Amino acid sequence: MNPTSLKIALIQTDLYWKDKTANMAMLEEKLMNLSSNVDLIILPEMFSTGFTMDAKEVAEPMNFTTTKWMKQMAAQTQALVTGSIVIEEKGNFYNRLLWVRPDGKVDFYDKRHLFRMAGEDAHYDMGTERKLFELKGWKIMPQICYDLRFPVWTRNRVEDDKLEYDLLFYIASWPSPRISAWDILLKARAVENLSYSIGVNRIGQDGNGIPYSGHSAVYNFKGETLGFSESKEEILFIELDLDSLHEYREKFPAWLDVDIFDLQ
């Protein structure tokens, strides 16, 4: 066993439209029958409802039904479970990624870039905080769908003479007509940030008739493909190595020449 490795399951699946009970039952069956033990399970964006603008209809508070279900799945699989759901907090609505540990501790990231072409900016509140999580010694940055188009927000900054994260991942409801952009940008984020890059996208068609074609993928720090799934129902397993990343950063220290800037 490699103590610096991280085993991950990417859940690429269709979703039932605005049906939390059906989605949680479907996903629970998948998670309880994983063919391999993993450290991290990544679910798609708005996995309990599909990507809907009916925020008030589907929202729930923190630590309610879906959060408790995620805690149960994390405890039973002994893996960290992550994915986004619609959360209401003090009258505001967020597309919120939950980071749920097997011990029941929960952290979160609120989607920063809201997809105005679908009206997301009119129905949800924008996140304001970049988040970094830690798992097995890995520093991990979570992102959601449209965030992928904005590299400044996810720039791997230099802190204390080292890069701030090792893995960048995106959960998404990225439509088929623009899937080539998804493929290109996921790979670019890996290369420019000298990190692993993961994308987990859904398949199928949602209640608005929008088609999704998957293309969930894993790229290493050189932009090489470590895993890729076409438009089918699939759980993609991948094991990443932290030592390989550190060795490459030492041999090719482009990060020492990054431009320094602050977000306004």
Protein backbone atom coordinates (compact mmCIF):
# COMPACT_ATOMS: atom_id res chain seq x y z
CA MET A 1 0.00 0.00 0.00
CA ASN A 2 1.29 3.42 -1.01
CA PRO A 3 0.71 5.86 1.87
CA THR A 4 0.85 8.83 -0.54
CA SER A 5 -1.82 7.46 -2.89
CA LEU A 6 -5.43 8.62 -3.07
CA LYS A 7 -8.11 6.22 -4.32
CA ILE A 8 -11.10 7.92 -5.89
CA ALA A 9 -14.45 6.84 -7.36
CA LEU A 10 -16.06 9.15 -9.94
CA ILE A 11 -19.80 8.52 -10.15
CA GLN A 12 -21.04 9.26 -13.68
CA THR A 13 -24.78 8.73 -13.77
CA ASP A 14 -28.16 9.87 -15.03
CA LEU A 15 -30.39 11.61 -12.47
CA TYR A 16 -34.10 11.61 -11.72
CA TRP A 17 -35.56 15.08 -12.24
CA LYS A 18 -36.18 16.81 -8.91
CA ASP A 19 -36.74 13.47 -7.16
CA LYS A 20 -34.47 13.29 -4.12
CA THR A 21 -35.80 9.96 -2.89
CA ALA A 22 -35.20 8.23 -6.22
CA ASN A 23 -31.74 9.74 -6.66
CA MET A 24 -30.57 8.84 -3.17
CA ALA A 25 -31.89 5.28 -3.54
CA MET A 26 -30.15 4.89 -6.92
CA LEU A 27 -26.87 6.33 -5.67
CA GLU A 28 -26.98 4.34 -2.44
CA GLU A 29 -27.17 1.12 -4.42
CA LYS A 30 -24.12 2.18 -6.42
CA LEU A 31 -22.09 3.20 -3.37
CA MET A 32 -22.96 0.10 -1.35
CA ASN A 33 -21.76 -2.07 -4.22
CA LEU A 34 -18.48 -0.37 -5.09
CA SER A 35 -16.04 -2.94 -6.43
CA SER A 36 -13.10 -1.33 -4.66
CA ASN A 37 -12.38 0.47 -1.39
CA VAL A 38 -11.73 4.17 -1.97
CA ASP A 39 -10.80 7.28 -0.01
CA LEU A 40 -13.00 9.73 -1.91
CA ILE A 41 -16.36 9.41 -3.70
CA ILE A 42 -17.31 12.25 -6.06
CA LEU A 43 -20.94 12.77 -7.09
CA PRO A 44 -22.16 15.18 -9.82
CA GLU A 45 -23.51 18.71 -9.40
CA MET A 46 -26.98 18.86 -7.79
CA PHE A 47 -26.97 15.07 -7.62
CA SER A 48 -30.21 14.85 -5.63
CA THR A 49 -32.35 16.91 -8.04
CA GLY A 50 -30.62 17.60 -11.31
CA PHE A 51 -29.53 21.12 -12.31
CA THR A 52 -32.72 23.06 -11.59
CA MET A 53 -33.55 26.73 -11.19
CA ASP A 54 -36.48 25.86 -8.90
CA ALA A 55 -34.35 26.62 -5.87
CA LYS A 56 -37.17 27.33 -3.45
CA GLU A 57 -38.95 24.08 -4.39
CA VAL A 58 -36.01 21.72 -3.86
CA ALA A 59 -33.85 23.52 -1.27
CA GLU A 60 -33.25 22.20 2.21
CA PRO A 61 -31.29 23.49 5.21
CA MET A 62 -27.92 22.15 6.23
CA ASN A 63 -27.91 18.86 8.12
CA PHE A 64 -31.29 17.89 6.75
CA THR A 65 -32.28 14.85 4.66
CA THR A 66 -29.57 14.88 1.98
CA THR A 67 -26.77 15.91 4.30
CA LYS A 68 -27.72 13.11 6.69
CA TRP A 69 -27.79 10.66 3.79
CA MET A 70 -24.28 11.73 2.79
CA LYS A 71 -23.11 11.22 6.37
CA GLN A 72 -24.60 7.74 6.34
CA MET A 73 -22.90 6.89 3.02
CA ALA A 74 -19.55 8.21 4.25
CA ALA A 75 -19.80 6.18 7.46
CA GLN A 76 -20.81 2.98 5.67
CA THR A 77 -18.19 3.22 2.91
CA GLN A 78 -15.53 4.74 5.18
CA ALA A 79 -14.83 7.17 2.37
CA LEU A 80 -15.24 10.91 2.12
CA VAL A 81 -18.34 11.71 0.05
CA THR A 82 -18.75 14.94 -1.92
CA GLY A 83 -21.27 16.46 -4.34
CA SER A 84 -23.49 19.53 -4.50
CA ILE A 85 -27.09 20.08 -3.46
CA VAL A 86 -29.40 23.09 -3.13
CA ILE A 87 -29.13 24.64 0.33
CA GLU A 88 -31.25 27.41 1.84
CA GLU A 89 -29.60 29.52 4.51
CA LYS A 90 -31.07 32.70 6.01
CA GLY A 91 -33.33 33.18 3.02
CA ASN A 92 -30.51 32.70 0.51
CA PHE A 93 -30.09 29.77 -1.87
CA TYR A 94 -26.75 28.17 -2.70
CA ASN A 95 -25.46 25.55 -5.11
CA ARG A 96 -23.39 24.07 -2.30
CA LEU A 97 -20.78 21.35 -2.50
CA LEU A 98 -20.70 19.32 0.71
CA TRP A 99 -17.49 17.66 1.88
CA VAL A 100 -18.62 14.89 4.22
CA ARG A 101 -16.15 12.81 6.20
CA PRO A 102 -16.76 9.30 7.58
CA ASP A 103 -16.70 10.74 11.11
CA GLY A 104 -19.67 12.98 10.23
CA LYS A 105 -17.79 16.28 9.96
CA VAL A 106 -19.04 18.48 7.13
CA ASP A 107 -17.42 21.34 5.25
CA PHE A 108 -18.68 23.07 2.12
CA TYR A 109 -17.93 25.23 -0.90
CA ASP A 110 -20.54 27.52 -2.50
CA LYS A 111 -20.40 27.82 -6.28
CA ARG A 112 -18.71 31.08 -7.21
CA HIS A 113 -19.59 31.45 -10.89
CA LEU A 114 -23.32 31.14 -11.49
CA PHE A 115 -24.37 30.14 -15.01
CA ARG A 116 -26.29 33.20 -16.17
CA MET A 117 -27.25 31.61 -19.50
CA ALA A 118 -29.58 29.32 -17.52
CA GLY A 119 -30.58 32.02 -15.04
CA GLU A 120 -28.62 30.52 -12.16
CA ASP A 121 -27.46 33.98 -11.11
CA ALA A 122 -31.11 35.04 -10.70
CA HIS A 123 -32.07 32.10 -8.48
CA TYR A 124 -28.94 31.40 -6.41
CA ASP A 125 -26.50 33.41 -4.33
CA MET A 126 -22.85 33.53 -5.32
CA GLY A 127 -20.17 31.96 -3.17
CA THR A 128 -17.40 34.31 -2.07
CA GLU A 129 -14.77 32.03 -0.54
CA ARG A 130 -12.17 29.80 -2.12
CA LYS A 131 -11.91 26.57 -0.15
CA LEU A 132 -9.12 24.05 0.33
CA PHE A 133 -9.76 20.69 1.95
CA GLU A 134 -7.30 18.08 3.20
CA LEU A 135 -7.48 14.32 2.87
CA LYS A 136 -4.68 11.84 3.65
CA GLY A 137 -2.08 14.59 3.38
CA TRP A 138 -3.47 15.84 0.06
CA LYS A 139 -4.52 19.47 -0.39
CA ILE A 140 -7.66 19.56 -2.54
CA MET A 141 -9.60 22.40 -4.17
CA PRO A 142 -13.30 21.81 -4.96
CA GLN A 143 -15.08 23.59 -7.81
CA ILE A 144 -18.47 23.43 -9.51
CA CYS A 145 -19.22 23.33 -13.26
CA TYR A 146 -19.14 26.90 -14.68
CA ASP A 147 -16.19 27.67 -12.36
CA LEU A 148 -14.13 25.73 -14.90
CA ARG A 149 -14.19 28.66 -17.34
CA PHE A 150 -12.50 31.05 -14.88
CA PRO A 151 -8.85 30.10 -14.26
CA VAL A 152 -8.01 33.10 -12.09
CA TRP A 153 -10.38 31.84 -9.37
CA THR A 154 -8.66 28.45 -9.25
CA ARG A 155 -5.08 29.58 -9.74
CA ASN A 156 -2.71 27.41 -7.69
CA ARG A 157 -1.00 30.04 -5.56
CA VAL A 158 2.43 29.83 -4.01
CA GLU A 159 2.35 29.88 -0.23
CA ASP A 160 5.34 29.20 2.07
CA ASP A 161 7.45 28.25 -0.97
CA LYS A 162 5.03 25.58 -2.21
CA LEU A 163 1.84 25.32 -4.21
CA GLU A 164 -1.34 25.44 -2.17
CA TYR A 165 -3.10 22.36 -3.61
CA ASP A 166 -2.38 18.99 -5.24
CA LEU A 167 -5.77 18.10 -6.71
CA LEU A 168 -8.39 20.27 -8.36
CA PHE A 169 -11.80 18.75 -9.06
CA TYR A 170 -15.00 19.88 -10.72
CA ILE A 171 -18.48 18.45 -10.33
CA ALA A 172 -20.81 19.37 -13.16
CA SER A 173 -23.98 19.35 -15.19
CA TRP A 174 -22.14 20.28 -18.38
CA PRO A 175 -24.37 19.96 -21.49
CA SER A 176 -23.43 17.91 -24.55
CA PRO A 177 -23.32 20.83 -27.04
CA ARG A 178 -20.35 22.36 -25.17
CA ILE A 179 -18.58 19.19 -24.11
CA SER A 180 -15.45 19.95 -26.18
CA ALA A 181 -14.84 23.00 -23.98
CA TRP A 182 -15.14 20.78 -20.89
CA ASP A 183 -12.50 18.40 -22.25
CA ILE A 184 -10.08 21.19 -23.18
CA LEU A 185 -10.42 23.22 -19.99
CA LEU A 186 -10.10 20.27 -17.59
CA LYS A 187 -6.79 19.37 -19.18
CA ALA A 188 -5.64 23.00 -19.22
CA ARG A 189 -6.38 23.42 -15.50
CA ALA A 190 -4.10 20.46 -14.75
CA VAL A 191 -1.19 21.77 -16.82
CA GLU A 192 -1.35 25.42 -15.75
CA ASN A 193 -1.67 24.56 -12.05
CA LEU A 194 0.81 21.68 -11.97
CA SER A 195 -1.80 19.54 -10.24
CA TYR A 196 -4.09 16.61 -10.86
CA SER A 197 -7.42 17.64 -12.37
CA ILE A 198 -10.69 15.71 -12.14
CA GLY A 199 -14.10 16.35 -13.66
CA VAL A 200 -17.30 14.48 -12.79
CA ASN A 201 -20.20 15.15 -15.14
CA ARG A 202 -23.64 13.58 -15.39
CA ILE A 203 -25.25 11.81 -18.36
CA GLY A 204 -28.81 11.54 -19.65
CA GLN A 205 -31.38 14.28 -20.19
CA ASP A 206 -32.87 16.56 -17.56
CA GLY A 207 -36.43 17.77 -17.11
CA ASN A 208 -35.76 20.76 -19.37
CA GLY A 209 -34.71 18.48 -22.23
CA ILE A 210 -31.01 19.34 -21.92
CA PRO A 211 -28.70 16.40 -22.83
CA TYR A 212 -25.49 15.52 -20.97
CA SER A 213 -22.72 13.31 -22.30
CA GLY A 214 -20.49 12.59 -19.34
CA HIS A 215 -16.81 12.78 -20.28
CA SER A 216 -15.84 12.47 -16.63
CA ALA A 217 -12.05 12.43 -16.63
CA VAL A 218 -8.80 12.46 -14.68
CA TYR A 219 -5.67 14.26 -15.90
CA ASN A 220 -2.24 14.40 -14.35
CA PHE A 221 0.00 17.43 -13.91
CA LYS A 222 1.37 17.01 -17.48
CA GLY A 223 -2.09 16.91 -18.99
CA GLU A 224 -1.95 13.17 -19.61
CA THR A 225 -5.21 11.24 -19.42
CA LEU A 226 -5.34 8.84 -16.48
CA GLY A 227 -9.03 8.02 -16.82
CA PHE A 228 -11.90 8.92 -19.14
CA SER A 229 -15.52 7.88 -19.45
CA GLU A 230 -17.76 8.41 -22.48
CA SER A 231 -21.50 8.99 -22.23
CA LYS A 232 -22.44 5.88 -20.31
CA GLU A 233 -23.45 4.97 -16.79
CA GLU A 234 -20.14 4.21 -15.14
CA ILE A 235 -18.10 4.41 -11.96
CA LEU A 236 -14.56 5.39 -12.83
CA PHE A 237 -11.91 4.28 -10.34
CA ILE A 238 -8.55 6.01 -10.20
CA GLU A 239 -5.54 5.98 -7.88
CA LEU A 240 -3.37 9.09 -7.75
CA ASP A 241 0.19 9.30 -6.44
CA LEU A 242 1.41 12.32 -4.49
CA ASP A 243 5.13 11.49 -4.76
CA SER A 244 4.98 11.59 -8.57
CA LEU A 245 3.44 15.05 -8.40
CA HIS A 246 6.11 16.37 -6.04
CA GLU A 247 8.90 14.88 -8.14
CA TYR A 248 7.59 16.53 -11.28
CA ARG A 249 7.26 19.90 -9.56
CA GLU A 250 10.90 19.65 -8.49
CA LYS A 251 12.10 18.75 -12.00
CA PHE A 252 9.90 21.30 -13.75
CA PRO A 253 9.41 24.19 -11.29
CA ALA A 254 7.34 26.46 -13.52
CA TRP A 255 5.39 27.43 -10.41
CA LEU A 256 8.36 29.53 -9.28
CA ASP A 257 7.62 31.93 -12.15
CA VAL A 258 3.90 32.46 -11.56
CA ASP A 259 2.44 35.94 -11.66
CA ILE A 260 1.48 37.28 -8.25
CA PHE A 261 -1.92 38.96 -7.93
CA ASP A 262 -4.86 39.41 -5.58
CA LEU A 263 -8.54 38.78 -6.31
CA GLN A 264 -10.73 41.84 -5.84
